[in-house]
N, C-alpha and C. Protein backbone atom coordinates (compact mmCIF):
# COMPACT_ATOMS: atom_id res chain seq x y z
N MET A 1 -77.68 67.83 -185.06
CA MET A 1 -79.12 68.14 -185.25
C MET A 1 -78.92 70.13 -185.90
N TYR A 2 -79.30 70.19 -186.48
CA TYR A 2 -79.42 72.16 -186.27
C TYR A 2 -80.00 72.56 -187.57
N ARG A 3 -81.15 73.72 -187.18
CA ARG A 3 -82.35 74.40 -188.18
C ARG A 3 -81.60 75.21 -188.30
N ASP A 4 -82.00 75.29 -189.57
CA ASP A 4 -81.60 76.58 -190.58
C ASP A 4 -82.68 77.39 -190.65
N PRO A 5 -81.84 78.03 -191.25
CA PRO A 5 -83.06 80.03 -191.34
C PRO A 5 -85.04 79.64 -191.98
N ASN A 6 -84.90 78.72 -191.81
CA ASN A 6 -85.95 78.18 -192.77
C ASN A 6 -86.63 77.03 -191.97
N GLY A 7 -85.88 77.03 -191.14
CA GLY A 7 -87.15 76.00 -189.77
C GLY A 7 -86.75 74.39 -190.20
N VAL A 8 -86.29 74.29 -191.33
CA VAL A 8 -85.96 73.24 -191.32
C VAL A 8 -84.63 72.24 -190.95
N MET A 9 -84.93 71.11 -190.61
CA MET A 9 -83.80 70.41 -189.20
C MET A 9 -82.86 69.29 -190.57
N HIS A 10 -82.16 70.23 -189.97
CA HIS A 10 -81.25 68.45 -190.48
C HIS A 10 -80.04 67.39 -189.14
N PHE A 11 -79.88 66.66 -189.84
CA PHE A 11 -79.54 65.79 -188.52
C PHE A 11 -78.53 64.83 -189.46
N THR A 12 -77.87 64.26 -189.02
CA THR A 12 -75.97 63.64 -189.06
C THR A 12 -75.26 63.27 -188.10
N ASN A 13 -74.66 62.72 -188.69
CA ASN A 13 -73.47 61.60 -187.88
C ASN A 13 -72.70 62.43 -188.21
N THR A 14 -71.69 63.51 -187.89
CA THR A 14 -70.84 63.63 -189.66
C THR A 14 -71.26 65.25 -190.15
N PRO A 15 -70.91 66.12 -188.88
CA PRO A 15 -71.88 67.30 -188.60
C PRO A 15 -70.47 67.27 -189.40
N THR A 16 -70.50 69.11 -190.57
CA THR A 16 -69.49 69.71 -191.49
C THR A 16 -70.22 71.27 -191.10
N SER A 17 -70.88 72.05 -190.19
CA SER A 17 -70.17 73.03 -190.04
C SER A 17 -70.04 73.70 -188.02
N ARG A 18 -70.54 74.11 -187.55
CA ARG A 18 -70.52 74.48 -185.70
C ARG A 18 -72.24 74.68 -185.74
N GLU A 19 -73.27 75.15 -186.93
CA GLU A 19 -74.24 74.88 -186.11
C GLU A 19 -75.22 73.31 -185.90
N TYR A 20 -74.08 72.27 -186.41
CA TYR A 20 -74.86 71.02 -185.51
C TYR A 20 -74.25 71.08 -184.36
N ARG A 21 -75.69 70.85 -183.46
CA ARG A 21 -75.73 70.23 -181.79
C ARG A 21 -75.76 69.33 -181.71
N VAL A 22 -75.07 67.91 -180.88
CA VAL A 22 -75.78 67.44 -180.03
C VAL A 22 -77.57 66.74 -179.83
N PHE A 23 -77.90 65.83 -180.80
CA PHE A 23 -79.71 65.66 -180.43
C PHE A 23 -80.01 64.40 -179.79
N ILE A 24 -78.96 63.52 -180.20
CA ILE A 24 -79.05 62.10 -179.74
C ILE A 24 -78.15 61.58 -179.01
N ARG A 25 -78.06 61.39 -177.66
CA ARG A 25 -76.37 60.74 -177.36
C ARG A 25 -76.98 59.08 -177.21
N SER A 26 -76.16 58.20 -177.94
CA SER A 26 -76.59 57.09 -178.10
C SER A 26 -75.29 56.37 -177.36
N ALA A 27 -75.91 55.21 -176.31
CA ALA A 27 -75.49 54.57 -175.16
C ALA A 27 -74.45 53.90 -175.61
N PRO A 28 -73.35 53.85 -175.46
CA PRO A 28 -71.82 52.08 -175.89
C PRO A 28 -73.12 51.27 -175.40
N ALA A 29 -73.20 50.04 -176.16
CA ALA A 29 -73.11 48.85 -176.05
C ALA A 29 -72.35 48.56 -174.95
N TYR A 30 -73.47 47.75 -174.86
CA TYR A 30 -72.71 47.11 -173.60
C TYR A 30 -72.73 45.50 -174.18
N ARG A 31 -71.23 44.89 -173.24
CA ARG A 31 -70.84 44.22 -173.21
C ARG A 31 -70.90 43.27 -172.23
N PHE A 32 -70.65 42.36 -172.29
CA PHE A 32 -71.40 41.06 -171.49
C PHE A 32 -69.37 41.08 -170.56
N ARG A 33 -69.23 40.69 -169.67
CA ARG A 33 -67.96 39.82 -169.35
C ARG A 33 -68.71 39.45 -168.06
N SER A 34 -67.57 37.83 -168.20
CA SER A 34 -67.00 36.96 -167.80
C SER A 34 -67.52 37.26 -166.50
N THR A 35 -68.52 36.99 -165.45
CA THR A 35 -67.47 36.95 -164.13
C THR A 35 -66.72 35.93 -163.86
N THR A 36 -66.87 34.66 -164.37
CA THR A 36 -65.54 33.51 -163.70
C THR A 36 -63.66 33.84 -164.55
N ARG A 37 -64.23 34.66 -164.79
CA ARG A 37 -63.06 35.05 -166.75
C ARG A 37 -61.74 34.56 -165.16
N TYR A 38 -61.29 35.24 -164.47
CA TYR A 38 -60.52 35.49 -163.54
C TYR A 38 -60.77 34.67 -161.57
N ASP A 39 -61.49 34.00 -162.06
CA ASP A 39 -61.52 33.22 -160.63
C ASP A 39 -60.06 32.59 -160.00
N ASP A 40 -59.55 31.80 -161.15
CA ASP A 40 -57.82 31.65 -160.60
C ASP A 40 -57.09 32.38 -159.70
N ILE A 41 -57.38 34.28 -160.15
CA ILE A 41 -56.71 35.15 -159.26
C ILE A 41 -56.97 35.61 -159.00
N ILE A 42 -58.32 35.15 -158.94
CA ILE A 42 -58.92 35.48 -157.59
C ILE A 42 -58.62 34.63 -156.12
N ALA A 43 -59.54 33.39 -156.61
CA ALA A 43 -58.20 32.36 -155.95
C ALA A 43 -57.32 32.51 -155.35
N ASP A 44 -56.10 32.25 -155.77
CA ASP A 44 -55.00 32.78 -155.77
C ASP A 44 -54.83 34.25 -154.07
N ALA A 45 -55.52 35.58 -155.05
CA ALA A 45 -55.49 36.29 -154.45
C ALA A 45 -55.60 36.25 -152.44
N ALA A 46 -57.21 35.72 -152.89
CA ALA A 46 -57.85 35.37 -151.87
C ALA A 46 -56.84 34.40 -150.14
N HIS A 47 -55.86 33.27 -151.07
CA HIS A 47 -55.49 32.42 -150.52
C HIS A 47 -54.46 33.44 -149.74
N ARG A 48 -54.19 33.98 -150.80
CA ARG A 48 -52.36 34.35 -150.72
C ARG A 48 -52.88 36.15 -149.08
N HIS A 49 -53.63 36.73 -149.06
CA HIS A 49 -54.07 37.65 -148.49
C HIS A 49 -54.97 37.30 -147.43
N GLY A 50 -55.33 36.26 -146.78
CA GLY A 50 -56.38 35.90 -146.36
C GLY A 50 -57.44 37.18 -146.90
N VAL A 51 -58.18 36.60 -147.66
CA VAL A 51 -59.69 37.15 -147.45
C VAL A 51 -60.35 37.20 -148.47
N ASP A 52 -61.64 36.79 -148.65
CA ASP A 52 -62.40 35.75 -148.93
C ASP A 52 -62.87 36.15 -150.09
N PHE A 53 -62.46 34.86 -150.90
CA PHE A 53 -62.87 35.13 -152.83
C PHE A 53 -64.41 35.68 -152.85
N SER A 54 -65.44 35.19 -152.23
CA SER A 54 -67.24 36.07 -152.65
C SER A 54 -66.36 37.29 -152.28
N LEU A 55 -66.22 37.86 -151.59
CA LEU A 55 -66.08 39.75 -151.06
C LEU A 55 -64.41 40.05 -152.26
N LEU A 56 -62.97 39.54 -152.30
CA LEU A 56 -63.12 39.43 -153.72
C LEU A 56 -63.53 40.38 -154.92
N LYS A 57 -64.66 38.82 -154.88
CA LYS A 57 -65.17 39.25 -156.89
C LYS A 57 -65.83 40.19 -156.60
N ALA A 58 -66.96 40.29 -155.31
CA ALA A 58 -67.97 41.68 -155.03
C ALA A 58 -66.78 42.54 -155.41
N VAL A 59 -66.45 43.13 -154.99
CA VAL A 59 -65.25 43.93 -155.25
C VAL A 59 -65.65 44.05 -156.94
N ILE A 60 -64.57 43.40 -157.02
CA ILE A 60 -64.70 43.45 -158.93
C ILE A 60 -65.66 44.31 -159.96
N GLN A 61 -66.40 42.90 -159.32
CA GLN A 61 -67.83 43.64 -160.15
C GLN A 61 -68.45 44.70 -158.97
N ALA A 62 -68.06 45.14 -158.42
CA ALA A 62 -68.12 46.61 -157.91
C ALA A 62 -68.01 47.93 -158.62
N GLU A 63 -66.06 47.49 -158.47
CA GLU A 63 -65.01 48.90 -159.18
C GLU A 63 -65.61 48.38 -160.16
N SER A 64 -65.17 47.44 -161.37
CA SER A 64 -64.97 47.04 -162.82
C SER A 64 -66.37 46.81 -163.60
N GLY A 65 -67.12 45.80 -163.24
CA GLY A 65 -67.66 44.98 -163.24
C GLY A 65 -67.15 43.95 -164.90
N PHE A 66 -65.78 43.90 -164.02
CA PHE A 66 -65.13 42.87 -164.40
C PHE A 66 -64.18 42.87 -165.66
N ASN A 67 -64.34 44.54 -165.47
CA ASN A 67 -63.36 45.45 -167.02
C ASN A 67 -62.11 45.31 -167.00
N HIS A 68 -61.39 44.94 -166.84
CA HIS A 68 -59.49 44.81 -166.63
C HIS A 68 -58.83 45.84 -167.28
N ARG A 69 -59.46 46.75 -167.99
CA ARG A 69 -59.30 48.07 -168.37
C ARG A 69 -60.15 49.60 -168.63
N ALA A 70 -60.94 49.56 -166.89
CA ALA A 70 -61.47 50.56 -166.85
C ALA A 70 -60.64 51.55 -166.04
N ILE A 71 -61.09 52.56 -166.28
CA ILE A 71 -61.21 53.70 -165.58
C ILE A 71 -62.12 54.16 -165.37
N SER A 72 -61.59 55.15 -164.06
CA SER A 72 -62.96 55.40 -163.67
C SER A 72 -62.36 57.23 -163.97
N ARG A 73 -63.51 57.87 -163.01
CA ARG A 73 -63.71 59.35 -163.81
C ARG A 73 -62.41 60.28 -163.06
N LYS A 74 -62.27 59.55 -162.26
CA LYS A 74 -60.91 59.96 -161.06
C LYS A 74 -59.60 58.95 -160.64
N GLY A 75 -60.08 58.18 -162.16
CA GLY A 75 -58.23 57.51 -162.99
C GLY A 75 -58.17 56.67 -162.30
N ALA A 76 -58.50 56.23 -161.21
CA ALA A 76 -58.32 54.94 -160.37
C ALA A 76 -58.28 53.83 -162.10
N GLN A 77 -58.14 52.22 -161.88
CA GLN A 77 -57.41 51.40 -162.80
C GLN A 77 -57.80 50.37 -162.58
N GLY A 78 -58.40 49.79 -163.89
CA GLY A 78 -57.87 48.10 -163.35
C GLY A 78 -59.27 47.26 -162.89
N LEU A 79 -59.38 46.13 -162.87
CA LEU A 79 -60.38 45.28 -162.23
C LEU A 79 -60.69 45.79 -161.21
N MET A 80 -59.79 46.11 -159.97
CA MET A 80 -59.35 46.39 -158.28
C MET A 80 -60.09 47.87 -158.46
N GLN A 81 -59.89 48.91 -159.68
CA GLN A 81 -60.26 50.26 -159.45
C GLN A 81 -59.34 51.53 -158.46
N ILE A 82 -58.06 50.69 -159.35
CA ILE A 82 -56.41 51.63 -158.21
C ILE A 82 -56.14 52.79 -158.62
N MET A 83 -56.55 54.01 -157.59
CA MET A 83 -55.25 55.29 -158.15
C MET A 83 -54.13 54.68 -157.82
N PRO A 84 -53.74 55.51 -158.95
CA PRO A 84 -52.01 55.61 -159.36
C PRO A 84 -51.15 56.79 -158.21
N GLU A 85 -51.83 56.75 -157.98
CA GLU A 85 -51.37 57.75 -156.13
C GLU A 85 -50.80 55.85 -155.80
N ASN A 86 -51.27 55.06 -155.29
CA ASN A 86 -50.76 53.39 -154.52
C ASN A 86 -50.33 52.92 -156.14
N PHE A 87 -50.00 53.20 -157.08
CA PHE A 87 -49.52 51.69 -157.16
C PHE A 87 -47.66 51.39 -156.77
N ALA A 88 -47.12 52.19 -156.77
CA ALA A 88 -46.20 52.43 -156.08
C ALA A 88 -45.54 51.33 -154.63
N PHE A 89 -46.56 52.14 -153.50
CA PHE A 89 -47.51 51.65 -152.53
C PHE A 89 -48.02 50.02 -152.19
N LEU A 90 -48.23 50.57 -154.03
CA LEU A 90 -48.96 47.58 -153.81
C LEU A 90 -48.12 47.59 -154.68
N ASN A 91 -46.90 48.04 -154.64
CA ASN A 91 -46.12 47.87 -155.54
C ASN A 91 -46.93 47.03 -157.08
N LEU A 92 -47.80 47.53 -157.91
CA LEU A 92 -48.15 47.59 -159.25
C LEU A 92 -47.64 47.98 -160.39
N GLN A 93 -46.71 47.53 -161.19
CA GLN A 93 -46.55 47.98 -162.31
C GLN A 93 -47.12 48.61 -163.53
N ASP A 94 -48.53 46.71 -163.59
CA ASP A 94 -49.17 47.43 -164.62
C ASP A 94 -50.69 47.29 -164.02
N PRO A 95 -51.49 48.31 -164.04
CA PRO A 95 -52.76 48.33 -163.21
C PRO A 95 -53.60 47.50 -164.31
N PHE A 96 -53.63 47.24 -165.61
CA PHE A 96 -54.57 46.54 -166.12
C PHE A 96 -54.55 45.00 -166.14
N ASP A 97 -52.54 44.87 -166.10
CA ASP A 97 -52.79 43.44 -165.90
C ASP A 97 -53.24 42.46 -164.38
N PRO A 98 -54.18 41.64 -164.64
CA PRO A 98 -55.56 40.96 -164.16
C PRO A 98 -54.42 40.95 -163.02
N GLN A 99 -53.11 39.59 -162.77
CA GLN A 99 -53.00 39.71 -161.57
C GLN A 99 -52.42 40.64 -161.19
N GLN A 100 -51.35 40.88 -161.58
CA GLN A 100 -51.29 42.10 -160.77
C GLN A 100 -52.14 44.32 -160.47
N ASN A 101 -52.78 43.67 -160.70
CA ASN A 101 -53.79 44.20 -159.90
C ASN A 101 -54.54 43.80 -158.96
N ILE A 102 -55.42 42.65 -158.88
CA ILE A 102 -56.55 41.62 -157.84
C ILE A 102 -55.35 41.64 -156.75
N MET A 103 -54.27 41.15 -157.12
CA MET A 103 -53.77 40.92 -156.58
C MET A 103 -53.45 42.50 -155.49
N ALA A 104 -52.77 42.86 -155.77
CA ALA A 104 -52.71 44.54 -154.42
C ALA A 104 -53.44 44.94 -155.45
N GLY A 105 -55.30 44.45 -154.95
CA GLY A 105 -56.39 45.28 -155.09
C GLY A 105 -56.58 44.24 -153.29
N ALA A 106 -56.12 43.31 -153.83
CA ALA A 106 -56.41 41.96 -152.75
C ALA A 106 -55.41 42.91 -151.39
N HIS A 107 -54.18 42.92 -151.70
CA HIS A 107 -53.36 43.28 -150.63
C HIS A 107 -53.72 44.26 -149.85
N TYR A 108 -54.31 45.37 -150.66
CA TYR A 108 -54.68 46.36 -150.03
C TYR A 108 -56.17 46.41 -149.18
N LEU A 109 -56.69 45.76 -149.68
CA LEU A 109 -58.70 45.38 -148.95
C LEU A 109 -57.55 44.50 -147.56
N ARG A 110 -56.80 43.84 -147.91
CA ARG A 110 -56.39 42.65 -146.56
C ARG A 110 -56.05 44.63 -145.82
N MET A 111 -55.16 45.25 -146.18
CA MET A 111 -54.63 45.98 -145.24
C MET A 111 -55.94 46.52 -144.67
N LEU A 112 -57.14 46.92 -145.09
CA LEU A 112 -57.74 48.40 -144.50
C LEU A 112 -59.13 47.68 -143.37
N ILE A 113 -58.72 46.14 -143.60
CA ILE A 113 -59.86 44.61 -142.92
C ILE A 113 -58.90 44.81 -141.48
N ASN A 114 -57.76 44.89 -141.47
CA ASN A 114 -56.91 44.53 -140.51
C ASN A 114 -56.94 45.83 -139.81
N ARG A 115 -57.35 46.82 -140.19
CA ARG A 115 -57.36 49.10 -139.50
C ARG A 115 -58.27 48.68 -139.21
N TYR A 116 -59.49 47.92 -139.37
CA TYR A 116 -60.83 48.10 -138.69
C TYR A 116 -60.94 47.55 -138.43
N LYS A 117 -59.52 46.64 -138.14
CA LYS A 117 -60.18 45.35 -137.27
C LYS A 117 -61.86 44.15 -137.32
N GLY A 118 -61.56 44.12 -139.22
CA GLY A 118 -62.86 43.00 -139.52
C GLY A 118 -64.64 43.60 -139.36
N GLN A 119 -63.79 45.11 -139.75
CA GLN A 119 -65.63 45.93 -139.89
C GLN A 119 -65.42 46.17 -141.10
N LEU A 120 -66.16 44.96 -141.87
CA LEU A 120 -66.63 44.69 -143.45
C LEU A 120 -66.99 46.05 -143.87
N VAL A 121 -67.51 47.06 -143.80
CA VAL A 121 -68.03 47.79 -143.58
C VAL A 121 -67.74 49.27 -143.75
N LEU A 122 -66.75 49.59 -142.63
CA LEU A 122 -65.79 50.31 -141.93
C LEU A 122 -64.90 49.92 -143.69
N SER A 123 -63.76 48.86 -144.47
CA SER A 123 -62.82 48.80 -145.24
C SER A 123 -63.81 48.90 -146.45
N LEU A 124 -64.93 48.21 -146.36
CA LEU A 124 -65.02 48.58 -147.74
C LEU A 124 -65.89 50.43 -148.13
N ALA A 125 -65.59 50.95 -146.99
CA ALA A 125 -66.05 52.53 -147.09
C ALA A 125 -64.41 52.71 -147.33
N ALA A 126 -63.48 52.58 -146.75
CA ALA A 126 -62.65 53.13 -146.93
C ALA A 126 -61.81 52.64 -148.08
N TYR A 127 -61.86 51.81 -148.86
CA TYR A 127 -61.91 50.91 -149.93
C TYR A 127 -62.33 52.37 -151.00
N ASN A 128 -63.31 52.49 -150.52
CA ASN A 128 -64.49 54.02 -151.86
C ASN A 128 -64.28 55.16 -151.62
N ALA A 129 -63.94 55.32 -150.28
CA ALA A 129 -63.23 56.49 -150.30
C ALA A 129 -61.87 57.28 -149.74
N GLY A 130 -61.53 55.87 -149.43
CA GLY A 130 -59.92 56.50 -148.93
C GLY A 130 -60.04 56.65 -147.29
N PRO A 131 -59.74 55.62 -146.68
CA PRO A 131 -59.20 55.33 -145.11
C PRO A 131 -59.15 57.09 -144.88
N THR A 132 -59.32 58.35 -144.43
CA THR A 132 -59.36 59.46 -144.34
C THR A 132 -60.52 60.02 -143.91
N ALA A 133 -61.57 59.48 -144.69
CA ALA A 133 -62.76 60.01 -144.87
C ALA A 133 -63.79 59.08 -143.65
N VAL A 134 -63.36 57.81 -143.42
CA VAL A 134 -63.87 56.89 -142.34
C VAL A 134 -63.07 57.43 -140.88
N ASP A 135 -61.94 57.53 -141.05
CA ASP A 135 -61.54 58.16 -139.11
C ASP A 135 -61.61 59.26 -139.38
N ARG A 136 -61.98 59.99 -139.77
CA ARG A 136 -63.02 61.34 -139.19
C ARG A 136 -64.30 61.26 -139.32
N TYR A 137 -65.36 60.86 -140.13
CA TYR A 137 -65.66 59.35 -139.07
C TYR A 137 -66.68 58.73 -138.65
N GLN A 138 -65.35 58.28 -138.39
CA GLN A 138 -65.94 57.18 -137.06
C GLN A 138 -67.02 55.87 -137.51
N ARG A 139 -67.37 55.99 -139.04
CA ARG A 139 -68.62 55.50 -140.00
C ARG A 139 -68.58 55.54 -140.92
N ILE A 140 -69.26 54.84 -141.84
CA ILE A 140 -69.82 54.97 -143.72
C ILE A 140 -69.83 56.13 -143.49
N PRO A 141 -68.52 56.73 -144.30
CA PRO A 141 -68.54 58.51 -144.63
C PRO A 141 -70.01 59.17 -145.16
N PRO A 142 -70.69 60.61 -144.48
CA PRO A 142 -72.19 60.89 -145.61
C PRO A 142 -72.10 61.07 -146.67
N ILE A 143 -71.16 60.25 -147.79
CA ILE A 143 -71.21 60.97 -148.86
C ILE A 143 -71.83 59.92 -149.98
N PRO A 144 -73.43 60.09 -150.16
CA PRO A 144 -74.15 59.73 -151.22
C PRO A 144 -72.98 57.90 -152.33
N GLU A 145 -72.62 58.33 -152.85
CA GLU A 145 -71.49 57.25 -153.63
C GLU A 145 -71.04 56.25 -152.75
N THR A 146 -70.41 56.50 -151.99
CA THR A 146 -69.87 55.73 -150.76
C THR A 146 -71.11 54.76 -149.42
N GLN A 147 -71.98 55.20 -149.37
CA GLN A 147 -73.02 54.56 -149.18
C GLN A 147 -73.89 53.88 -150.05
N ASP A 148 -73.85 54.10 -151.26
CA ASP A 148 -74.60 52.71 -152.18
C ASP A 148 -73.55 51.52 -152.92
N TYR A 149 -72.56 51.77 -152.59
CA TYR A 149 -70.71 51.39 -153.05
C TYR A 149 -70.70 50.93 -152.32
N VAL A 150 -71.02 50.66 -150.67
CA VAL A 150 -70.62 49.10 -149.77
C VAL A 150 -71.82 48.49 -150.02
N GLU A 151 -73.48 49.27 -150.12
CA GLU A 151 -74.53 48.28 -150.61
C GLU A 151 -74.76 47.94 -150.87
N LYS A 152 -74.03 47.92 -152.07
CA LYS A 152 -73.30 47.19 -154.08
C LYS A 152 -72.69 46.07 -153.48
N VAL A 153 -71.63 46.25 -152.54
CA VAL A 153 -70.46 45.66 -152.57
C VAL A 153 -71.03 44.12 -151.31
N LEU A 154 -71.70 44.50 -150.90
CA LEU A 154 -72.52 43.66 -149.99
C LEU A 154 -73.43 43.12 -150.52
N ARG A 155 -74.20 43.43 -151.60
CA ARG A 155 -74.54 42.61 -152.11
C ARG A 155 -74.35 41.51 -153.41
N PHE A 156 -73.80 41.95 -153.56
CA PHE A 156 -72.63 41.12 -154.74
C PHE A 156 -71.88 40.01 -153.67
N TYR A 157 -71.72 40.54 -152.69
CA TYR A 157 -71.23 39.47 -151.68
C TYR A 157 -72.13 38.74 -151.42
N ARG A 158 -73.19 39.05 -150.94
CA ARG A 158 -74.35 38.10 -150.69
C ARG A 158 -74.74 36.54 -152.02
N HIS A 159 -74.66 37.39 -152.95
CA HIS A 159 -74.72 36.42 -154.33
C HIS A 159 -73.62 35.37 -154.31
N TYR A 160 -72.54 36.06 -154.55
CA TYR A 160 -71.58 34.94 -154.65
C TYR A 160 -70.96 33.87 -153.45
N GLN A 161 -71.75 34.77 -152.43
CA GLN A 161 -70.93 33.41 -151.63
C GLN A 161 -71.74 32.15 -151.52
N LYS A 162 -73.21 32.35 -152.57
CA LYS A 162 -74.35 31.15 -152.67
C LYS A 162 -74.46 30.36 -153.72
N GLN A 163 -72.98 31.36 -154.43
CA GLN A 163 -72.77 30.21 -156.02
C GLN A 163 -71.56 28.63 -154.70
N PRO A 164 -71.68 27.92 -156.08
CA PRO A 164 -70.98 27.01 -155.71
C PRO A 164 -69.67 26.60 -155.83
């Protein structure tokens, strides 16, 4: 949109000059993603790494909303939103391959559960904010995003536990 010298407002979705400014940003269209599409892979990863199926599913829901092509603002990638600096450590070749990503994420989550002696809240906080932050505070770090994340995963976890 731009207002010309006569006060007339002009609107377009294809601006022809630098005078135009964004008037309304449209939200991207929501695309429904199946919450059962990856169940076989999640079940395999849960079995291999000893992580509850419902917990893995809850983490995927919170991290990517089941979008295997998701990329966060900070650069985390795939269903379980794994940071590129962890790819080699987790033997992850293609973060957008659902099988590889879920296996790597399940492995990492199992490591955190072991590190925090089964304390799920601390394990989830470390998955989100990193173990350094959790170790520094010895609790969920005072980071609103992390506090909201732990609450959201636990809510999804309870939901998926009730599923047949």
